[in-house]
Each structure stands twice: as C-alpha cells, then as structure tokens.
N, C-alpha and C. Protein backbone atom coordinates (compact mmCIF):
# COMPACT_ATOMS: atom_id res chain seq x y z
N MET A 1 2.95 7.65 69.61
CA MET A 1 1.81 8.52 69.36
C MET A 1 0.54 7.67 69.35
N ILE A 2 -0.53 8.22 69.86
CA ILE A 2 -1.81 7.53 69.86
C ILE A 2 -2.59 7.99 68.63
N PRO A 3 -2.77 7.09 67.63
CA PRO A 3 -3.44 7.49 66.39
C PRO A 3 -4.83 8.07 66.59
N ASN A 4 -5.55 7.66 67.66
CA ASN A 4 -6.90 8.20 67.89
C ASN A 4 -6.88 9.71 68.06
N HIS A 5 -5.87 10.25 68.73
CA HIS A 5 -5.80 11.69 68.93
C HIS A 5 -5.55 12.42 67.61
N LEU A 6 -4.77 11.81 66.74
CA LEU A 6 -4.54 12.41 65.43
C LEU A 6 -5.85 12.41 64.63
N ALA A 7 -6.58 11.32 64.68
CA ALA A 7 -7.88 11.26 64.00
C ALA A 7 -8.85 12.29 64.57
N GLU A 8 -8.85 12.48 65.89
CA GLU A 8 -9.71 13.49 66.53
C GLU A 8 -9.34 14.89 66.05
N ALA A 9 -8.04 15.17 65.95
CA ALA A 9 -7.58 16.49 65.50
C ALA A 9 -8.01 16.75 64.06
N LEU A 10 -7.90 15.75 63.19
CA LEU A 10 -8.32 15.92 61.80
C LEU A 10 -9.82 16.11 61.68
N GLU A 11 -10.57 15.37 62.50
CA GLU A 11 -12.03 15.52 62.50
C GLU A 11 -12.42 16.92 62.95
N GLN A 12 -11.76 17.41 64.00
CA GLN A 12 -12.06 18.75 64.49
C GLN A 12 -11.69 19.81 63.45
N ALA A 13 -10.57 19.63 62.76
CA ALA A 13 -10.16 20.57 61.72
C ALA A 13 -11.19 20.63 60.61
N ALA A 14 -11.76 19.50 60.25
CA ALA A 14 -12.79 19.47 59.21
C ALA A 14 -14.03 20.24 59.67
N GLN A 15 -14.38 20.14 60.95
CA GLN A 15 -15.54 20.84 61.47
C GLN A 15 -15.29 22.34 61.58
N VAL A 16 -14.09 22.72 62.03
CA VAL A 16 -13.76 24.13 62.22
C VAL A 16 -13.51 24.81 60.88
N GLY A 17 -12.89 24.09 59.95
CA GLY A 17 -12.67 24.62 58.60
C GLY A 17 -11.36 25.34 58.40
N GLN A 18 -10.52 25.37 59.41
CA GLN A 18 -9.22 26.02 59.26
C GLN A 18 -8.28 25.55 60.36
N LEU A 19 -7.00 25.73 60.14
CA LEU A 19 -6.02 25.47 61.17
C LEU A 19 -4.88 26.46 61.02
N PHE A 20 -4.22 26.75 62.12
CA PHE A 20 -3.09 27.67 62.13
C PHE A 20 -1.81 26.89 61.85
N VAL A 21 -0.93 27.53 61.09
CA VAL A 21 0.34 26.92 60.70
C VAL A 21 1.45 27.87 61.15
N ALA A 22 2.24 27.43 62.14
CA ALA A 22 3.33 28.26 62.66
C ALA A 22 4.67 27.68 62.21
N THR A 23 5.47 28.55 61.58
CA THR A 23 6.81 28.17 61.14
C THR A 23 7.78 29.23 61.65
N ALA A 24 9.06 28.96 61.48
CA ALA A 24 10.10 29.94 61.83
C ALA A 24 11.22 29.81 60.82
N ASP A 25 11.89 30.94 60.56
CA ASP A 25 13.01 30.89 59.62
C ASP A 25 14.26 30.34 60.30
N ALA A 26 15.37 30.34 59.59
CA ALA A 26 16.62 29.78 60.11
C ALA A 26 17.12 30.51 61.35
N HIS A 27 16.67 31.77 61.54
CA HIS A 27 17.09 32.57 62.70
C HIS A 27 16.07 32.50 63.84
N GLY A 28 15.00 31.74 63.64
CA GLY A 28 13.98 31.60 64.68
C GLY A 28 12.88 32.64 64.64
N VAL A 29 12.84 33.46 63.59
CA VAL A 29 11.79 34.47 63.47
C VAL A 29 10.49 33.77 63.07
N PRO A 30 9.45 33.87 63.91
CA PRO A 30 8.22 33.12 63.65
C PRO A 30 7.33 33.76 62.58
N HIS A 31 6.46 32.93 62.04
CA HIS A 31 5.48 33.38 61.06
C HIS A 31 4.23 32.51 61.23
N LEU A 32 3.07 33.11 61.12
CA LEU A 32 1.81 32.40 61.29
C LEU A 32 0.99 32.48 60.02
N ALA A 33 0.42 31.36 59.62
CA ALA A 33 -0.44 31.30 58.43
C ALA A 33 -1.68 30.47 58.79
N ILE A 34 -2.63 30.46 57.87
CA ILE A 34 -3.84 29.65 58.05
C ILE A 34 -3.96 28.72 56.85
N ALA A 35 -4.33 27.47 57.12
CA ALA A 35 -4.55 26.49 56.06
C ALA A 35 -6.01 26.09 56.06
N GLU A 36 -6.46 25.63 54.90
CA GLU A 36 -7.85 25.22 54.78
C GLU A 36 -8.06 23.74 55.04
N GLY A 37 -7.07 22.93 54.72
CA GLY A 37 -7.31 21.50 54.79
C GLY A 37 -6.17 20.71 55.39
N ILE A 38 -6.53 19.58 56.00
CA ILE A 38 -5.55 18.66 56.53
C ILE A 38 -6.09 17.25 56.31
N THR A 39 -5.21 16.37 55.83
CA THR A 39 -5.60 15.00 55.55
C THR A 39 -4.57 14.05 56.14
N LEU A 40 -5.00 12.85 56.43
CA LEU A 40 -4.11 11.82 56.93
C LEU A 40 -3.35 11.23 55.74
N GLU A 41 -2.03 11.22 55.83
CA GLU A 41 -1.19 10.70 54.75
C GLU A 41 -0.52 9.39 55.13
N GLY A 42 -0.49 9.08 56.41
CA GLY A 42 0.13 7.87 56.93
C GLY A 42 -0.13 7.81 58.41
N GLU A 43 0.40 6.80 59.09
CA GLU A 43 0.12 6.62 60.52
C GLU A 43 0.47 7.85 61.35
N ASP A 44 1.59 8.51 61.02
CA ASP A 44 2.02 9.69 61.78
C ASP A 44 2.28 10.89 60.87
N THR A 45 1.66 10.88 59.71
CA THR A 45 1.93 11.91 58.70
C THR A 45 0.62 12.52 58.21
N VAL A 46 0.62 13.86 58.10
CA VAL A 46 -0.54 14.58 57.58
C VAL A 46 -0.13 15.45 56.40
N GLY A 47 -1.09 15.78 55.57
CA GLY A 47 -0.90 16.72 54.48
C GLY A 47 -1.71 17.97 54.78
N VAL A 48 -1.07 19.13 54.71
CA VAL A 48 -1.72 20.40 55.02
C VAL A 48 -1.73 21.24 53.75
N THR A 49 -2.91 21.63 53.29
CA THR A 49 -3.01 22.39 52.04
C THR A 49 -3.49 23.81 52.29
N GLY A 50 -2.97 24.72 51.47
CA GLY A 50 -3.38 26.11 51.55
C GLY A 50 -2.66 26.95 50.52
N TRP A 51 -3.15 28.16 50.33
CA TRP A 51 -2.50 29.14 49.45
C TRP A 51 -1.52 29.91 50.32
N PHE A 52 -0.46 29.22 50.73
CA PHE A 52 0.50 29.79 51.66
C PHE A 52 1.29 30.92 51.01
N CYS A 53 1.57 31.95 51.80
CA CYS A 53 2.39 33.06 51.33
C CYS A 53 3.84 32.58 51.16
N PRO A 54 4.65 33.32 50.43
CA PRO A 54 6.04 32.90 50.21
C PRO A 54 6.83 32.69 51.50
N ARG A 55 6.54 33.45 52.56
CA ARG A 55 7.29 33.32 53.81
C ARG A 55 7.16 31.91 54.40
N THR A 56 5.95 31.34 54.35
CA THR A 56 5.76 29.98 54.87
C THR A 56 6.63 28.99 54.11
N ALA A 57 6.64 29.11 52.79
CA ALA A 57 7.45 28.20 51.97
C ALA A 57 8.94 28.39 52.26
N GLU A 58 9.38 29.63 52.36
CA GLU A 58 10.79 29.91 52.65
C GLU A 58 11.18 29.34 54.01
N ASN A 59 10.31 29.52 55.00
CA ASN A 59 10.61 29.02 56.34
C ASN A 59 10.75 27.51 56.36
N THR A 60 9.86 26.81 55.69
CA THR A 60 9.93 25.35 55.72
C THR A 60 11.15 24.83 54.98
N ASP A 61 11.68 25.59 54.03
CA ASP A 61 12.93 25.21 53.37
C ASP A 61 14.11 25.35 54.33
N ALA A 62 14.09 26.39 55.16
CA ALA A 62 15.22 26.69 56.05
C ALA A 62 15.11 25.98 57.40
N ASN A 63 13.89 25.67 57.83
CA ASN A 63 13.66 25.11 59.16
C ASN A 63 12.44 24.20 59.07
N ALA A 64 12.64 22.91 59.18
CA ALA A 64 11.55 21.94 58.98
C ALA A 64 10.56 21.90 60.14
N GLY A 65 10.89 22.49 61.29
CA GLY A 65 9.99 22.46 62.44
C GLY A 65 8.70 23.21 62.16
N ILE A 66 7.59 22.64 62.62
CA ILE A 66 6.28 23.25 62.36
C ILE A 66 5.31 22.92 63.49
N SER A 67 4.39 23.83 63.74
CA SER A 67 3.31 23.60 64.70
C SER A 67 2.00 23.85 63.98
N LEU A 68 1.08 22.91 64.07
CA LEU A 68 -0.25 23.03 63.47
C LEU A 68 -1.25 23.06 64.61
N VAL A 69 -2.13 24.05 64.60
CA VAL A 69 -3.11 24.18 65.67
C VAL A 69 -4.51 24.22 65.08
N VAL A 70 -5.34 23.32 65.56
CA VAL A 70 -6.77 23.36 65.26
C VAL A 70 -7.46 23.69 66.58
N TRP A 71 -8.37 24.68 66.51
CA TRP A 71 -8.98 25.16 67.74
C TRP A 71 -10.42 25.57 67.47
N ASP A 72 -11.32 25.04 68.24
CA ASP A 72 -12.72 25.43 68.20
C ASP A 72 -12.90 26.49 69.29
N ALA A 73 -12.95 27.75 68.89
CA ALA A 73 -13.02 28.86 69.84
C ALA A 73 -14.30 28.83 70.68
N ARG A 74 -15.40 28.39 70.09
CA ARG A 74 -16.67 28.35 70.83
C ARG A 74 -16.62 27.37 71.99
N GLN A 75 -15.95 26.24 71.78
CA GLN A 75 -15.84 25.24 72.84
C GLN A 75 -14.51 25.33 73.58
N ASP A 76 -13.63 26.21 73.12
CA ASP A 76 -12.29 26.36 73.68
C ASP A 76 -11.60 25.01 73.84
N ALA A 77 -11.53 24.30 72.73
CA ALA A 77 -10.89 22.98 72.73
C ALA A 77 -10.20 22.77 71.40
N GLY A 78 -9.03 22.15 71.46
CA GLY A 78 -8.33 21.87 70.22
C GLY A 78 -7.09 21.05 70.45
N PHE A 79 -6.27 20.99 69.40
CA PHE A 79 -5.05 20.21 69.42
C PHE A 79 -3.92 21.01 68.79
N GLN A 80 -2.71 20.76 69.26
CA GLN A 80 -1.50 21.29 68.63
C GLN A 80 -0.69 20.07 68.17
N LEU A 81 -0.38 20.05 66.89
CA LEU A 81 0.43 18.98 66.32
C LEU A 81 1.82 19.56 66.05
N ILE A 82 2.83 18.99 66.65
CA ILE A 82 4.20 19.48 66.48
C ILE A 82 4.98 18.45 65.69
N GLY A 83 5.66 18.90 64.66
CA GLY A 83 6.40 17.96 63.83
C GLY A 83 7.38 18.63 62.91
N GLU A 84 7.64 17.95 61.79
CA GLU A 84 8.59 18.47 60.81
C GLU A 84 8.02 18.29 59.41
N VAL A 85 8.30 19.28 58.57
CA VAL A 85 7.89 19.21 57.17
C VAL A 85 8.88 18.29 56.46
N THR A 86 8.36 17.23 55.85
CA THR A 86 9.22 16.30 55.13
C THR A 86 9.19 16.52 53.63
N GLN A 87 8.15 17.22 53.17
CA GLN A 87 8.02 17.48 51.74
C GLN A 87 7.07 18.65 51.54
N MET A 88 7.33 19.44 50.49
CA MET A 88 6.42 20.52 50.11
C MET A 88 6.12 20.35 48.62
N LEU A 89 4.84 20.26 48.30
CA LEU A 89 4.41 20.03 46.92
C LEU A 89 3.61 21.21 46.42
N ASP A 90 3.88 21.66 45.21
CA ASP A 90 3.06 22.68 44.56
C ASP A 90 1.88 21.97 43.93
N ILE A 91 0.66 22.45 44.23
CA ILE A 91 -0.55 21.81 43.72
C ILE A 91 -1.16 22.62 42.57
N ALA A 92 -1.22 23.95 42.74
CA ALA A 92 -1.82 24.81 41.72
C ALA A 92 -1.15 26.18 41.78
N MET A 93 -1.25 26.92 40.67
CA MET A 93 -0.62 28.24 40.64
C MET A 93 -1.50 29.22 39.87
N LEU A 94 -1.62 30.42 40.41
CA LEU A 94 -2.24 31.55 39.72
C LEU A 94 -1.13 32.53 39.42
N ASP A 95 -0.96 32.91 38.18
CA ASP A 95 0.17 33.75 37.79
C ASP A 95 -0.06 35.21 38.14
N GLY A 96 0.30 35.56 39.37
CA GLY A 96 0.31 36.95 39.78
C GLY A 96 -1.04 37.56 40.05
N TYR A 97 -2.12 36.79 40.09
CA TYR A 97 -3.43 37.36 40.34
C TYR A 97 -3.65 37.56 41.83
N MET A 98 -3.77 38.82 42.22
CA MET A 98 -4.12 39.14 43.60
C MET A 98 -4.80 40.50 43.55
N PRO A 99 -6.12 40.55 43.74
CA PRO A 99 -6.82 41.82 43.66
C PRO A 99 -6.18 42.89 44.54
N GLY A 100 -6.01 44.07 43.99
CA GLY A 100 -5.46 45.19 44.74
C GLY A 100 -3.94 45.25 44.76
N GLU A 101 -3.28 44.23 44.28
CA GLU A 101 -1.81 44.22 44.25
C GLU A 101 -1.34 44.58 42.85
N THR A 102 -0.36 45.45 42.77
CA THR A 102 0.16 45.84 41.45
C THR A 102 1.41 45.05 41.08
N GLU A 103 2.14 44.55 42.06
CA GLU A 103 3.34 43.77 41.78
C GLU A 103 3.28 42.43 42.51
N ALA A 104 2.21 41.71 42.29
CA ALA A 104 2.01 40.45 43.02
C ALA A 104 2.85 39.33 42.43
N ALA A 105 3.39 38.51 43.32
CA ALA A 105 4.07 37.30 42.89
C ALA A 105 3.02 36.24 42.59
N ALA A 106 3.42 35.21 41.90
CA ALA A 106 2.50 34.12 41.62
C ALA A 106 2.01 33.52 42.94
N GLN A 107 0.72 33.24 43.00
CA GLN A 107 0.15 32.59 44.16
C GLN A 107 0.20 31.09 43.93
N VAL A 108 0.65 30.35 44.93
CA VAL A 108 0.81 28.91 44.78
C VAL A 108 0.06 28.19 45.89
N GLU A 109 -0.79 27.26 45.50
CA GLU A 109 -1.40 26.38 46.49
C GLU A 109 -0.41 25.26 46.73
N ARG A 110 -0.11 25.04 48.00
CA ARG A 110 0.90 24.04 48.35
C ARG A 110 0.33 23.02 49.32
N LYS A 111 0.99 21.88 49.32
CA LYS A 111 0.69 20.84 50.30
C LYS A 111 1.97 20.59 51.08
N LEU A 112 1.90 20.80 52.39
CA LEU A 112 3.02 20.50 53.27
C LEU A 112 2.79 19.11 53.84
N VAL A 113 3.73 18.22 53.63
CA VAL A 113 3.66 16.88 54.21
C VAL A 113 4.41 16.94 55.53
N VAL A 114 3.71 16.64 56.62
CA VAL A 114 4.25 16.84 57.97
C VAL A 114 4.24 15.52 58.74
N ARG A 115 5.42 15.15 59.24
CA ARG A 115 5.50 14.01 60.16
C ARG A 115 5.25 14.56 61.56
N VAL A 116 4.21 14.06 62.20
CA VAL A 116 3.80 14.53 63.52
C VAL A 116 4.57 13.77 64.59
N HIS A 117 5.27 14.53 65.46
CA HIS A 117 6.04 13.92 66.54
C HIS A 117 5.31 14.00 67.89
N HIS A 118 4.52 15.08 68.07
CA HIS A 118 3.84 15.28 69.36
C HIS A 118 2.43 15.81 69.11
N ILE A 119 1.50 15.38 69.93
CA ILE A 119 0.14 15.90 69.91
C ILE A 119 -0.17 16.40 71.32
N LEU A 120 -0.55 17.68 71.40
CA LEU A 120 -0.88 18.31 72.68
C LEU A 120 -2.31 18.83 72.62
N THR A 121 -2.93 18.98 73.78
CA THR A 121 -4.22 19.67 73.80
C THR A 121 -3.94 21.16 73.62
N PHE A 122 -4.95 21.90 73.16
CA PHE A 122 -4.81 23.33 72.95
C PHE A 122 -6.10 24.00 73.36
N SER A 123 -5.99 25.02 74.22
CA SER A 123 -7.16 25.80 74.62
C SER A 123 -6.70 27.12 75.21
N HIS A 124 -7.63 28.05 75.32
CA HIS A 124 -7.36 29.32 75.97
C HIS A 124 -7.25 29.10 77.48
N ALA A 125 -8.07 28.20 77.99
CA ALA A 125 -8.06 27.90 79.43
C ALA A 125 -6.76 27.18 79.79
N HIS A 126 -6.50 27.12 81.06
CA HIS A 126 -5.31 26.44 81.56
C HIS A 126 -5.23 25.00 81.02
N HIS A 127 -4.08 24.64 80.53
CA HIS A 127 -3.87 23.28 80.03
C HIS A 127 -2.40 22.93 80.16
N SER A 128 -2.10 21.65 80.18
CA SER A 128 -0.71 21.23 80.26
C SER A 128 -0.17 20.99 78.85
N ASP A 129 1.11 20.97 78.72
CA ASP A 129 1.72 20.66 77.43
C ASP A 129 2.27 19.23 77.43
N ILE A 130 1.49 18.34 78.03
CA ILE A 130 1.89 16.94 78.07
C ILE A 130 1.49 16.28 76.76
N ASP A 131 2.44 15.58 76.16
CA ASP A 131 2.21 14.88 74.90
C ASP A 131 1.14 13.81 75.11
N LEU A 132 0.12 13.83 74.25
CA LEU A 132 -0.95 12.84 74.35
C LEU A 132 -0.50 11.48 73.83
N GLY A 133 0.61 11.45 73.11
CA GLY A 133 1.11 10.18 72.53
C GLY A 133 2.16 9.65 73.36
C-alpha cells in the first residue's frame, strides 16, 4: 500500500466531513452507514468513529469485511478503502435518547479500527478498480 494515498483519503474526509461505511452480515446482506470521523491509527490502520446503528455493529461482528468511501461530490473525486474491522470500541453512550422514538435502544458512539488492504479511486465518472497500493 502507498501511505500517501491513505493520507490523501484522510485529508479529503476531513474536508468533506463524512464518509460512507458499507458492511454486510454473515449472509452477505449489505448495509450502508455514514461516519463523521476517520483518523490514522497505524501505517495501514484507520479508526472510524460515528453513532453507528446496531446493524453496523452486528455486521462487523459477523463479517469483518468493510468498505469506506470518502467522496467529494462537487469535484467527483474520492477514495474507497477496502479492509477488515480488527476491533470495535464503544466510546460513548446515550441511554435510549432518540427524539421521536418511543422504544429506542441505547445509542452508542463507536470506533471501528480498520486494517486497510486496498485503496481505490472513487468517482461517479468512469474509473478503474485498480488498487493504488
């Protein structure tokens, strides 16, 4: 992997302010979430934080594969980071507070620690899925 591309992806995520988090359960049923933050945790490891719904947490327990996408829609440029969740940490918890919900589960802010195996470009326009690393 080329560390410069990982640094570029993190810089772009900071500018855009969000990234997409795609997971799948043990049967391959996909789920999409949005995270607010991503940080470098090691040479090929990132930490992704967000108030993820229970499905994201369940999926990462059953299937460690994950895709993280940062995309600047205005410039139609971004990155897809493909890897595996190596750890999930609970950071904060709100006990059942969710406006408009009468039977809400506790909301948990989590940090997904992800080992990145592949970095691809991502855009709406034609692009190849060649690993940049």
